[in-house]
Amino acid sequence: MSTQAPRQLPATAGQTTPESPWPVRVLTTKLTDYVSKAPALWVEGQVVQLTRRPGQPTCYLTLRDTEVDLSFQVTVHARVLDAMPAPLADGAHVVVHARPQLWPRRGC
């Protein structure tokens, strides 16, 4: 049985070194915490995929930047889509008020 103390990780990104790097999980946790403090903002994009499952309250929009190959997913409540004057469709250009969140994938 090993009695070594756990390795002390650098507190900030600027303190990391080749000899003392952060594991991916630490970087992901710190980025998730940082992004969660961001205020709600307005963002525009083109809807490239709308996923809406019958009976589910949550829908997902994939928004793409129209000038570069970059996209992200937006979670929206079905009642917001239901309240729109016209149905939202793929290809629509939208302006969305959203609060950014990072949802890292969890390993098994």
PDB file of N, CA and C in Angstrom:
ATOM      1  N   MET A   1       0.843  -1.168   0.000  1.00  0.00           N
ATOM      2  CA  MET A   1       0.000   0.000   0.000  1.00  0.00           C
ATOM      3  C   MET A   1       0.894   1.239   0.000  1.00  0.00           C
ATOM      4  N   SER A   2       0.580   2.183  -0.856  1.00  0.00           N
ATOM      5  CA  SER A   2       1.369   3.401  -0.973  1.00  0.00           C
ATOM      6  C   SER A   2       0.939   4.404   0.088  1.00  0.00           C
ATOM      7  N   THR A   3       1.924   5.085   0.659  1.00  0.00           N
ATOM      8  CA  THR A   3       1.624   6.112   1.665  1.00  0.00           C
ATOM      9  C   THR A   3       1.954   7.498   1.138  1.00  0.00           C
ATOM     10  N   GLN A   4       2.147   7.603  -0.179  1.00  0.00           N
ATOM     11  CA  GLN A   4       2.448   8.913  -0.766  1.00  0.00           C
ATOM     12  C   GLN A   4       1.238   9.830  -0.660  1.00  0.00           C
ATOM     13  N   ALA A   5       1.514  11.091  -0.311  1.00  0.00           N
ATOM     14  CA  ALA A   5       0.452  12.101  -0.275  1.00  0.00           C
ATOM     15  C   ALA A   5       0.055  12.426  -1.706  1.00  0.00           C
ATOM     16  N   PRO A   6      -1.216  12.782  -1.933  1.00  0.00           N
ATOM     17  CA  PRO A   6      -1.632  13.169  -3.289  1.00  0.00           C
ATOM     18  C   PRO A   6      -0.813  14.362  -3.778  1.00  0.00           C
ATOM     19  N   ARG A   7      -0.575  14.377  -5.063  1.00  0.00           N
ATOM     20  CA  ARG A   7       0.195  15.458  -5.681  1.00  0.00           C
ATOM     21  C   ARG A   7      -0.550  16.775  -5.506  1.00  0.00           C
ATOM     22  N   GLN A   8       0.161  17.811  -5.085  1.00  0.00           N
ATOM     23  CA  GLN A   8      -0.420  19.143  -4.932  1.00  0.00           C
ATOM     24  C   GLN A   8      -0.511  19.792  -6.309  1.00  0.00           C
ATOM     25  N   LEU A   9      -1.730  20.146  -6.719  1.00  0.00           N
ATOM     26  CA  LEU A   9      -1.933  20.753  -8.032  1.00  0.00           C
ATOM     27  C   LEU A   9      -1.807  22.266  -7.953  1.00  0.00           C
ATOM     28  N   PRO A  10      -1.293  22.901  -9.006  1.00  0.00           N
ATOM     29  CA  PRO A  10      -1.240  24.362  -9.038  1.00  0.00           C
ATOM     30  C   PRO A  10      -2.644  24.948  -8.907  1.00  0.00           C
ATOM     31  N   ALA A  11      -2.740  26.063  -8.195  1.00  0.00           N
ATOM     32  CA  ALA A  11      -4.038  26.705  -7.957  1.00  0.00           C
ATOM     33  C   ALA A  11      -4.562  27.432  -9.193  1.00  0.00           C
ATOM     34  N   THR A  12      -3.663  27.960 -10.019  1.00  0.00           N
ATOM     35  CA  THR A  12      -4.081  28.727 -11.191  1.00  0.00           C
ATOM     36  C   THR A  12      -3.407  28.190 -12.448  1.00  0.00           C
ATOM     37  N   ALA A  13      -3.984  28.512 -13.591  1.00  0.00           N
ATOM     38  CA  ALA A  13      -3.420  28.064 -14.867  1.00  0.00           C
ATOM     39  C   ALA A  13      -2.003  28.590 -15.056  1.00  0.00           C
ATOM     40  N   GLY A  14      -1.748  29.817 -14.617  1.00  0.00           N
ATOM     41  CA  GLY A  14      -0.425  30.408 -14.764  1.00  0.00           C
ATOM     42  C   GLY A  14       0.648  29.734 -13.935  1.00  0.00           C
ATOM     43  N   GLN A  15       0.240  28.937 -12.965  1.00  0.00           N
ATOM     44  CA  GLN A  15       1.196  28.225 -12.120  1.00  0.00           C
ATOM     45  C   GLN A  15       1.511  26.824 -12.628  1.00  0.00           C
ATOM     46  N   THR A  16       0.812  26.367 -13.677  1.00  0.00           N
ATOM     47  CA  THR A  16       1.102  25.037 -14.216  1.00  0.00           C
ATOM     48  C   THR A  16       2.448  25.054 -14.926  1.00  0.00           C
ATOM     49  N   THR A  17       3.087  23.898 -14.951  1.00  0.00           N
ATOM     50  CA  THR A  17       4.378  23.722 -15.622  1.00  0.00           C
ATOM     51  C   THR A  17       4.376  22.350 -16.279  1.00  0.00           C
ATOM     52  N   PRO A  18       5.378  22.065 -17.121  1.00  0.00           N
ATOM     53  CA  PRO A  18       5.463  20.712 -17.674  1.00  0.00           C
ATOM     54  C   PRO A  18       5.598  19.642 -16.576  1.00  0.00           C
ATOM     55  N   GLU A  19       6.204  20.008 -15.470  1.00  0.00           N
ATOM     56  CA  GLU A  19       6.390  19.068 -14.362  1.00  0.00           C
ATOM     57  C   GLU A  19       5.166  19.000 -13.445  1.00  0.00           C
ATOM     58  N   SER A  20       4.328  20.027 -13.498  1.00  0.00           N
ATOM     59  CA  SER A  20       3.155  20.087 -12.636  1.00  0.00           C
ATOM     60  C   SER A  20       1.939  20.584 -13.428  1.00  0.00           C
ATOM     61  N   PRO A  21       1.458  19.762 -14.353  1.00  0.00           N
ATOM     62  CA  PRO A  21       0.297  20.153 -15.168  1.00  0.00           C
ATOM     63  C   PRO A  21      -1.015  19.860 -14.442  1.00  0.00           C
ATOM     64  N   TRP A  22      -2.085  20.410 -14.973  1.00  0.00           N
ATOM     65  CA  TRP A  22      -3.419  20.060 -14.497  1.00  0.00           C
ATOM     66  C   TRP A  22      -3.900  18.831 -15.265  1.00  0.00           C
ATOM     67  N   PRO A  23      -4.568  17.903 -14.609  1.00  0.00           N
ATOM     68  CA  PRO A  23      -5.272  16.859 -15.351  1.00  0.00           C
ATOM     69  C   PRO A  23      -6.450  17.499 -16.110  1.00  0.00           C
ATOM     70  N   VAL A  24      -6.904  16.852 -17.147  1.00  0.00           N
ATOM     71  CA  VAL A  24      -8.011  17.369 -17.951  1.00  0.00           C
ATOM     72  C   VAL A  24      -9.219  17.675 -17.067  1.00  0.00           C
ATOM     73  N   ARG A  25      -9.501  16.826 -16.087  1.00  0.00           N
ATOM     74  CA  ARG A  25     -10.676  17.030 -15.219  1.00  0.00           C
ATOM     75  C   ARG A  25     -10.583  18.339 -14.442  1.00  0.00           C
ATOM     76  N   VAL A  26      -9.369  18.747 -14.039  1.00  0.00           N
ATOM     77  CA  VAL A  26      -9.217  19.996 -13.298  1.00  0.00           C
ATOM     78  C   VAL A  26      -9.466  21.186 -14.225  1.00  0.00           C
ATOM     79  N   LEU A  27      -8.893  21.144 -15.427  1.00  0.00           N
ATOM     80  CA  LEU A  27      -9.143  22.221 -16.399  1.00  0.00           C
ATOM     81  C   LEU A  27     -10.629  22.333 -16.705  1.00  0.00           C
ATOM     82  N   THR A  28     -11.281  21.204 -16.923  1.00  0.00           N
ATOM     83  CA  THR A  28     -12.704  21.205 -17.233  1.00  0.00           C
ATOM     84  C   THR A  28     -13.520  21.779 -16.083  1.00  0.00           C
ATOM     85  N   THR A  29     -13.198  21.411 -14.868  1.00  0.00           N
ATOM     86  CA  THR A  29     -13.908  21.940 -13.699  1.00  0.00           C
ATOM     87  C   THR A  29     -13.721  23.444 -13.593  1.00  0.00           C
ATOM     88  N   LYS A  30     -12.505  23.919 -13.772  1.00  0.00           N
ATOM     89  CA  LYS A  30     -12.235  25.354 -13.659  1.00  0.00           C
ATOM     90  C   LYS A  30     -12.924  26.137 -14.780  1.00  0.00           C
ATOM     91  N   LEU A  31     -12.921  25.601 -16.006  1.00  0.00           N
ATOM     92  CA  LEU A  31     -13.616  26.275 -17.109  1.00  0.00           C
ATOM     93  C   LEU A  31     -15.128  26.301 -16.875  1.00  0.00           C
ATOM     94  N   THR A  32     -15.672  25.198 -16.383  1.00  0.00           N
ATOM     95  CA  THR A  32     -17.100  25.135 -16.086  1.00  0.00           C
ATOM     96  C   THR A  32     -17.466  26.178 -15.037  1.00  0.00           C
ATOM     97  N   ASP A  33     -16.668  26.286 -13.981  1.00  0.00           N
ATOM     98  CA  ASP A  33     -16.916  27.288 -12.936  1.00  0.00           C
ATOM     99  C   ASP A  33     -16.824  28.707 -13.502  1.00  0.00           C
ATOM    100  N   TYR A  34     -15.827  28.963 -14.335  1.00  0.00           N
ATOM    101  CA  TYR A  34     -15.629  30.292 -14.907  1.00  0.00           C
ATOM    102  C   TYR A  34     -16.810  30.687 -15.800  1.00  0.00           C
ATOM    103  N   VAL A  35     -17.202  29.783 -16.689  1.00  0.00           N
ATOM    104  CA  VAL A  35     -18.292  30.076 -17.617  1.00  0.00           C
ATOM    105  C   VAL A  35     -19.602  30.270 -16.860  1.00  0.00           C
ATOM    106  N   SER A  36     -19.799  29.536 -15.767  1.00  0.00           N
ATOM    107  CA  SER A  36     -21.056  29.647 -15.013  1.00  0.00           C
ATOM    108  C   SER A  36     -21.241  31.034 -14.390  1.00  0.00           C
ATOM    109  N   LYS A  37     -20.173  31.804 -14.279  1.00  0.00           N
ATOM    110  CA  LYS A  37     -20.256  33.153 -13.702  1.00  0.00           C
ATOM    111  C   LYS A  37     -20.563  34.219 -14.749  1.00  0.00           C
ATOM    112  N   ALA A  38     -20.593  33.828 -16.007  1.00  0.00           N
ATOM    113  CA  ALA A  38     -20.854  34.791 -17.077  1.00  0.00           C
ATOM    114  C   ALA A  38     -22.320  35.245 -17.029  1.00  0.00           C
ATOM    115  N   PRO A  39     -22.579  36.492 -17.362  1.00  0.00           N
ATOM    116  CA  PRO A  39     -23.961  36.973 -17.379  1.00  0.00           C
ATOM    117  C   PRO A  39     -24.696  36.481 -18.625  1.00  0.00           C
ATOM    118  N   ALA A  40     -26.009  36.576 -18.590  1.00  0.00           N
ATOM    119  CA  ALA A  40     -26.801  36.283 -19.782  1.00  0.00           C
ATOM    120  C   ALA A  40     -26.416  37.297 -20.861  1.00  0.00           C
ATOM    121  N   LEU A  41     -26.485  36.874 -22.113  1.00  0.00           N
ATOM    122  CA  LEU A  41     -26.082  37.737 -23.217  1.00  0.00           C
ATOM    123  C   LEU A  41     -26.910  37.429 -24.446  1.00  0.00           C
ATOM    124  N   TRP A  42     -26.825  38.318 -25.423  1.00  0.00           N
ATOM    125  CA  TRP A  42     -27.506  38.121 -26.704  1.00  0.00           C
ATOM    126  C   TRP A  42     -26.506  37.538 -27.689  1.00  0.00           C
ATOM    127  N   VAL A  43     -26.918  36.522 -28.424  1.00  0.00           N
ATOM    128  CA  VAL A  43     -26.057  35.875 -29.411  1.00  0.00           C
ATOM    129  C   VAL A  43     -26.902  35.555 -30.643  1.00  0.00           C
ATOM    130  N   GLU A  44     -26.287  35.651 -31.824  1.00  0.00           N
ATOM    131  CA  GLU A  44     -27.024  35.359 -33.049  1.00  0.00           C
ATOM    132  C   GLU A  44     -26.392  34.179 -33.766  1.00  0.00           C
ATOM    133  N   GLY A  45     -27.211  33.493 -34.522  1.00  0.00           N
ATOM    134  CA  GLY A  45     -26.725  32.372 -35.300  1.00  0.00           C
ATOM    135  C   GLY A  45     -27.823  31.788 -36.160  1.00  0.00           C
ATOM    136  N   GLN A  46     -27.447  30.775 -36.911  1.00  0.00           N
ATOM    137  CA  GLN A  46     -28.380  30.072 -37.782  1.00  0.00           C
ATOM    138  C   GLN A  46     -28.712  28.733 -37.142  1.00  0.00           C
ATOM    139  N   VAL A  47     -29.993  28.420 -37.075  1.00  0.00           N
ATOM    140  CA  VAL A  47     -30.424  27.134 -36.538  1.00  0.00           C
ATOM    141  C   VAL A  47     -30.071  26.056 -37.565  1.00  0.00           C
ATOM    142  N   VAL A  48     -29.200  25.121 -37.176  1.00  0.00           N
ATOM    143  CA  VAL A  48     -28.848  24.035 -38.091  1.00  0.00           C
ATOM    144  C   VAL A  48     -29.483  22.718 -37.656  1.00  0.00           C
ATOM    145  N   GLN A  49     -29.964  22.695 -36.416  1.00  0.00           N
ATOM    146  CA  GLN A  49     -30.689  21.508 -35.964  1.00  0.00           C
ATOM    147  C   GLN A  49     -31.580  21.885 -34.790  1.00  0.00           C
ATOM    148  N   LEU A  50     -32.819  21.467 -34.866  1.00  0.00           N
ATOM    149  CA  LEU A  50     -33.770  21.649 -33.782  1.00  0.00           C
ATOM    150  C   LEU A  50     -34.223  20.256 -33.362  1.00  0.00           C
ATOM    151  N   THR A  51     -33.979  19.912 -32.103  1.00  0.00           N
ATOM    152  CA  THR A  51     -34.382  18.606 -31.593  1.00  0.00           C
ATOM    153  C   THR A  51     -35.477  18.810 -30.560  1.00  0.00           C
ATOM    154  N   ARG A  52     -36.634  18.278 -30.890  1.00  0.00           N
ATOM    155  CA  ARG A  52     -37.786  18.405 -30.003  1.00  0.00           C
ATOM    156  C   ARG A  52     -38.477  17.051 -29.939  1.00  0.00           C
ATOM    157  N   ARG A  53     -38.474  16.474 -28.755  1.00  0.00           N
ATOM    158  CA  ARG A  53     -39.089  15.162 -28.570  1.00  0.00           C
ATOM    159  C   ARG A  53     -40.482  15.336 -27.957  1.00  0.00           C
ATOM    160  N   PRO A  54     -41.488  14.687 -28.523  1.00  0.00           N
ATOM    161  CA  PRO A  54     -42.849  14.809 -27.993  1.00  0.00           C
ATOM    162  C   PRO A  54     -42.902  14.443 -26.506  1.00  0.00           C
ATOM    163  N   GLY A  55     -43.595  15.276 -25.750  1.00  0.00           N
ATOM    164  CA  GLY A  55     -43.762  15.024 -24.326  1.00  0.00           C
ATOM    165  C   GLY A  55     -42.604  15.471 -23.455  1.00  0.00           C
ATOM    166  N   GLN A  56     -41.509  15.894 -24.064  1.00  0.00           N
ATOM    167  CA  GLN A  56     -40.346  16.347 -23.292  1.00  0.00           C
ATOM    168  C   GLN A  56     -40.378  17.868 -23.163  1.00  0.00           C
ATOM    169  N   PRO A  57     -40.089  18.404 -21.974  1.00  0.00           N
ATOM    170  CA  PRO A  57     -40.149  19.853 -21.785  1.00  0.00           C
ATOM    171  C   PRO A  57     -38.932  20.596 -22.327  1.00  0.00           C
ATOM    172  N   THR A  58     -37.836  19.878 -22.589  1.00  0.00           N
ATOM    173  CA  THR A  58     -36.606  20.524 -23.032  1.00  0.00           C
ATOM    174  C   THR A  58     -36.352  20.243 -24.504  1.00  0.00           C
ATOM    175  N   CYS A  59     -35.998  21.297 -25.231  1.00  0.00           N
ATOM    176  CA  CYS A  59     -35.640  21.185 -26.645  1.00  0.00           C
ATOM    177  C   CYS A  59     -34.198  21.662 -26.804  1.00  0.00           C
ATOM    178  N   TYR A  60     -33.586  21.270 -27.898  1.00  0.00           N
ATOM    179  CA  TYR A  60     -32.196  21.645 -28.149  1.00  0.00           C
ATOM    180  C   TYR A  60     -32.069  22.264 -29.535  1.00  0.00           C
ATOM    181  N   LEU A  61     -31.367  23.384 -29.596  1.00  0.00           N
ATOM    182  CA  LEU A  61     -31.074  24.050 -30.862  1.00  0.00           C
ATOM    183  C   LEU A  61     -29.563  24.013 -31.058  1.00  0.00           C
ATOM    184  N   THR A  62     -29.138  23.666 -32.241  1.00  0.00           N
ATOM    185  CA  THR A  62     -27.729  23.831 -32.569  1.00  0.00           C
ATOM    186  C   THR A  62     -27.641  25.092 -33.409  1.00  0.00           C
ATOM    187  N   LEU A  63     -26.902  26.084 -32.897  1.00  0.00           N
ATOM    188  CA  LEU A  63     -26.712  27.348 -33.616  1.00  0.00           C
ATOM    189  C   LEU A  63     -25.326  27.371 -34.237  1.00  0.00           C
ATOM    190  N   ARG A  64     -25.271  27.838 -35.475  1.00  0.00           N
ATOM    191  CA  ARG A  64     -24.002  27.925 -36.187  1.00  0.00           C
ATOM    192  C   ARG A  64     -23.715  29.374 -36.529  1.00  0.00           C
ATOM    193  N   ASP A  65     -22.449  29.739 -36.386  1.00  0.00           N
ATOM    194  CA  ASP A  65     -22.004  31.050 -36.845  1.00  0.00           C
ATOM    195  C   ASP A  65     -22.028  31.009 -38.361  1.00  0.00           C
ATOM    196  N   THR A  66     -22.549  32.029 -38.995  1.00  0.00           N
ATOM    197  CA  THR A  66     -22.681  32.018 -40.455  1.00  0.00           C
ATOM    198  C   THR A  66     -21.390  32.389 -41.178  1.00  0.00           C
ATOM    199  N   GLU A  67     -20.365  32.830 -40.436  1.00  0.00           N
ATOM    200  CA  GLU A  67     -19.125  33.245 -41.098  1.00  0.00           C
ATOM    201  C   GLU A  67     -17.961  32.296 -40.865  1.00  0.00           C
ATOM    202  N   VAL A  68     -17.995  31.483 -39.818  1.00  0.00           N
ATOM    203  CA  VAL A  68     -16.927  30.517 -39.547  1.00  0.00           C
ATOM    204  C   VAL A  68     -17.555  29.188 -39.150  1.00  0.00           C
ATOM    205  N   ASP A  69     -16.777  28.138 -39.221  1.00  0.00           N
ATOM    206  CA  ASP A  69     -17.272  26.805 -38.889  1.00  0.00           C
ATOM    207  C   ASP A  69     -17.239  26.607 -37.377  1.00  0.00           C
ATOM    208  N   LEU A  70     -18.273  27.131 -36.722  1.00  0.00           N
ATOM    209  CA  LEU A  70     -18.355  27.067 -35.269  1.00  0.00           C
ATOM    210  C   LEU A  70     -19.823  26.986 -34.883  1.00  0.00           C
ATOM    211  N   SER A  71     -20.139  26.065 -33.978  1.00  0.00           N
ATOM    212  CA  SER A  71     -21.522  25.946 -33.535  1.00  0.00           C
ATOM    213  C   SER A  71     -21.560  25.582 -32.066  1.00  0.00           C
ATOM    214  N   PHE A  72     -22.727  25.747 -31.465  1.00  0.00           N
ATOM    215  CA  PHE A  72     -22.932  25.336 -30.079  1.00  0.00           C
ATOM    216  C   PHE A  72     -24.390  25.004 -29.881  1.00  0.00           C
ATOM    217  N   GLN A  73     -24.650  24.315 -28.791  1.00  0.00           N
ATOM    218  CA  GLN A  73     -26.011  23.872 -28.514  1.00  0.00           C
ATOM    219  C   GLN A  73     -26.675  24.771 -27.488  1.00  0.00           C
ATOM    220  N   VAL A  74     -27.950  25.067 -27.723  1.00  0.00           N
ATOM    221  CA  VAL A  74     -28.761  25.882 -26.828  1.00  0.00           C
ATOM    222  C   VAL A  74     -29.893  24.998 -26.313  1.00  0.00           C
ATOM    223  N   THR A  75     -30.100  25.016 -25.011  1.00  0.00           N
ATOM    224  CA  THR A  75     -31.217  24.307 -24.401  1.00  0.00           C
ATOM    225  C   THR A  75     -32.337  25.315 -24.195  1.00  0.00           C
ATOM    226  N   VAL A  76     -33.544  24.948 -24.607  1.00  0.00           N
ATOM    227  CA  VAL A  76     -34.679  25.858 -24.498  1.00  0.00           C
ATOM    228  C   VAL A  76     -35.909  25.055 -24.058  1.00  0.00           C
ATOM    229  N   HIS A  77     -36.728  25.669 -23.237  1.00  0.00           N
ATOM    230  CA  HIS A  77     -37.950  25.008 -22.782  1.00  0.00           C
ATOM    231  C   HIS A  77     -38.958  24.995 -23.928  1.00  0.00           C
ATOM    232  N   ALA A  78     -39.691  23.905 -24.075  1.00  0.00           N
ATOM    233  CA  ALA A  78     -40.667  23.752 -25.161  1.00  0.00           C
ATOM    234  C   ALA A  78     -41.697  24.870 -25.158  1.00  0.00           C
ATOM    235  N   ARG A  79     -42.056  25.361 -23.970  1.00  0.00           N
ATOM    236  CA  ARG A  79     -43.090  26.420 -23.932  1.00  0.00           C
ATOM    237  C   ARG A  79     -42.592  27.716 -24.580  1.00  0.00           C
ATOM    238  N   VAL A  80     -41.281  27.945 -24.584  1.00  0.00           N
ATOM    239  CA  VAL A  80     -40.729  29.125 -25.261  1.00  0.00           C
ATOM    240  C   VAL A  80     -40.939  28.980 -26.763  1.00  0.00           C
ATOM    241  N   LEU A  81     -40.668  27.796 -27.290  1.00  0.00           N
ATOM    242  CA  LEU A  81     -40.896  27.576 -28.722  1.00  0.00           C
ATOM    243  C   LEU A  81     -42.379  27.647 -29.063  1.00  0.00           C
ATOM    244  N   ASP A  82     -43.230  27.117 -28.166  1.00  0.00           N
ATOM    245  CA  ASP A  82     -44.668  27.151 -28.400  1.00  0.00           C
ATOM    246  C   ASP A  82     -45.213  28.581 -28.420  1.00  0.00           C
ATOM    247  N   ALA A  83     -44.576  29.487 -27.711  1.00  0.00           N
ATOM    248  CA  ALA A  83     -45.046  30.872 -27.627  1.00  0.00           C
ATOM    249  C   ALA A  83     -44.597  31.728 -28.812  1.00  0.00           C
ATOM    250  N   MET A  84     -43.734  31.180 -29.674  1.00  0.00           N
ATOM    251  CA  MET A  84     -43.250  31.956 -30.820  1.00  0.00           C
ATOM    252  C   MET A  84     -44.378  32.162 -31.825  1.00  0.00           C
ATOM    253  N   PRO A  85     -44.420  33.326 -32.480  1.00  0.00           N
ATOM    254  CA  PRO A  85     -45.495  33.607 -33.429  1.00  0.00           C
ATOM    255  C   PRO A  85     -45.463  32.690 -34.658  1.00  0.00           C
ATOM    256  N   ALA A  86     -44.285  32.201 -35.025  1.00  0.00           N
ATOM    257  CA  ALA A  86     -44.161  31.275 -36.159  1.00  0.00           C
ATOM    258  C   ALA A  86     -43.249  30.127 -35.721  1.00  0.00           C
ATOM    259  N   PRO A  87     -43.483  28.924 -36.239  1.00  0.00           N
ATOM    260  CA  PRO A  87     -42.630  27.797 -35.858  1.00  0.00           C
ATOM    261  C   PRO A  87     -41.172  28.029 -36.253  1.00  0.00           C
ATOM    262  N   LEU A  88     -40.276  27.618 -35.398  1.00  0.00           N
ATOM    263  CA  LEU A  88     -38.845  27.734 -35.672  1.00  0.00           C
ATOM    264  C   LEU A  88     -38.422  26.558 -36.535  1.00  0.00           C
ATOM    265  N   ALA A  89     -37.622  26.817 -37.564  1.00  0.00           N
ATOM    266  CA  ALA A  89     -37.205  25.754 -38.478  1.00  0.00           C
ATOM    267  C   ALA A  89     -35.704  25.827 -38.722  1.00  0.00           C
ATOM    268  N   ASP A  90     -35.130  24.697 -39.129  1.00  0.00           N
ATOM    269  CA  ASP A  90     -33.721  24.673 -39.509  1.00  0.00           C
ATOM    270  C   ASP A  90     -33.477  25.722 -40.590  1.00  0.00           C
ATOM    271  N   GLY A  91     -32.361  26.408 -40.491  1.00  0.00           N
ATOM    272  CA  GLY A  91     -32.013  27.450 -41.450  1.00  0.00           C
ATOM    273  C   GLY A  91     -32.407  28.843 -40.997  1.00  0.00           C
ATOM    274  N   ALA A  92     -33.237  28.933 -39.959  1.00  0.00           N
ATOM    275  CA  ALA A  92     -33.674  30.246 -39.472  1.00  0.00           C
ATOM    276  C   ALA A  92     -32.507  30.991 -38.829  1.00  0.00           C
ATOM    277  N   HIS A  93     -32.453  32.272 -39.042  1.00  0.00           N
ATOM    278  CA  HIS A  93     -31.478  33.145 -38.388  1.00  0.00           C
ATOM    279  C   HIS A  93     -32.158  33.674 -37.131  1.00  0.00           C
ATOM    280  N   VAL A  94     -31.521  33.480 -35.977  1.00  0.00           N
ATOM    281  CA  VAL A  94     -32.142  33.874 -34.715  1.00  0.00           C
ATOM    282  C   VAL A  94     -31.179  34.698 -33.863  1.00  0.00           C
ATOM    283  N   VAL A  95     -31.772  35.472 -32.971  1.00  0.00           N
ATOM    284  CA  VAL A  95     -31.043  36.180 -31.930  1.00  0.00           C
ATOM    285  C   VAL A  95     -31.611  35.648 -30.620  1.00  0.00           C
ATOM    286  N   VAL A  96     -30.729  35.128 -29.777  1.00  0.00           N
ATOM    287  CA  VAL A  96     -31.139  34.425 -28.569  1.00  0.00           C
ATOM    288  C   VAL A  96     -30.550  35.105 -27.341  1.00  0.00           C
ATOM    289  N   HIS A  97     -31.368  35.247 -26.301  1.00  0.00           N
ATOM    290  CA  HIS A  97     -30.874  35.729 -25.007  1.00  0.00           C
ATOM    291  C   HIS A  97     -30.611  34.491 -24.168  1.00  0.00           C
ATOM    292  N   ALA A  98     -29.342  34.266 -23.813  1.00  0.00           N
ATOM    293  CA  ALA A  98     -28.976  33.012 -23.152  1.00  0.00           C
ATOM    294  C   ALA A  98     -27.899  33.231 -22.096  1.00  0.00           C
ATOM    295  N   ARG A  99     -27.830  32.290 -21.184  1.00  0.00           N
ATOM    296  CA  ARG A  99     -26.760  32.271 -20.187  1.00  0.00           C
ATOM    297  C   ARG A  99     -25.851  31.095 -20.556  1.00  0.00           C
ATOM    298  N   PRO A 100     -24.575  31.378 -20.843  1.00  0.00           N
ATOM    299  CA  PRO A 100     -23.672  30.296 -21.245  1.00  0.00           C
ATOM    300  C   PRO A 100     -23.421  29.306 -20.107  1.00  0.00           C
ATOM    301  N   GLN A 101     -23.341  28.045 -20.456  1.00  0.00           N
ATOM    302  CA  GLN A 101     -22.983  26.984 -19.526  1.00  0.00           C
ATOM    303  C   GLN A 101     -22.137  25.976 -20.266  1.00  0.00           C
ATOM    304  N   LEU A 102     -21.197  25.402 -19.571  1.00  0.00           N
ATOM    305  CA  LEU A 102     -20.368  24.343 -20.134  1.00  0.00           C
ATOM    306  C   LEU A 102     -20.812  23.036 -19.493  1.00  0.00           C
ATOM    307  N   TRP A 103     -21.176  22.078 -20.325  1.00  0.00           N
ATOM    308  CA  TRP A 103     -21.620  20.764 -19.833  1.00  0.00           C
ATOM    309  C   TRP A 103     -20.621  19.721 -20.330  1.00  0.00           C
ATOM    310  N   PRO A 104     -19.558  19.500 -19.575  1.00  0.00           N
ATOM    311  CA  PRO A 104     -18.564  18.514 -20.035  1.00  0.00           C
ATOM    312  C   PRO A 104     -19.147  17.108 -20.017  1.00  0.00           C
ATOM    313  N   ARG A 105     -18.687  16.310 -20.959  1.00  0.00           N
ATOM    314  CA  ARG A 105     -19.117  14.914 -20.984  1.00  0.00           C
ATOM    315  C   ARG A 105     -18.404  14.185 -19.864  1.00  0.00           C
ATOM    316  N   ARG A 106     -19.108  13.303 -19.247  1.00  0.00           N
ATOM    317  CA  ARG A 106     -18.547  12.527 -18.136  1.00  0.00           C
ATOM    318  C   ARG A 106     -18.087  11.173 -18.669  1.00  0.00           C
ATOM    319  N   GLY A 107     -16.919  10.747 -18.236  1.00  0.00           N
ATOM    320  CA  GLY A 107     -16.422   9.440 -18.617  1.00  0.00           C
ATOM    321  C   GLY A 107     -17.078   8.343 -17.803  1.00  0.00           C
ATOM    322  N   CYS A 108     -17.008   7.116 -18.301  1.00  0.00           N
ATOM    323  CA  CYS A 108     -17.601   5.990 -17.579  1.00  0.00           C
ATOM    324  C   CYS A 108     -16.532   5.290 -16.756  1.00  0.00           C
TER     325      CYS A 108
END
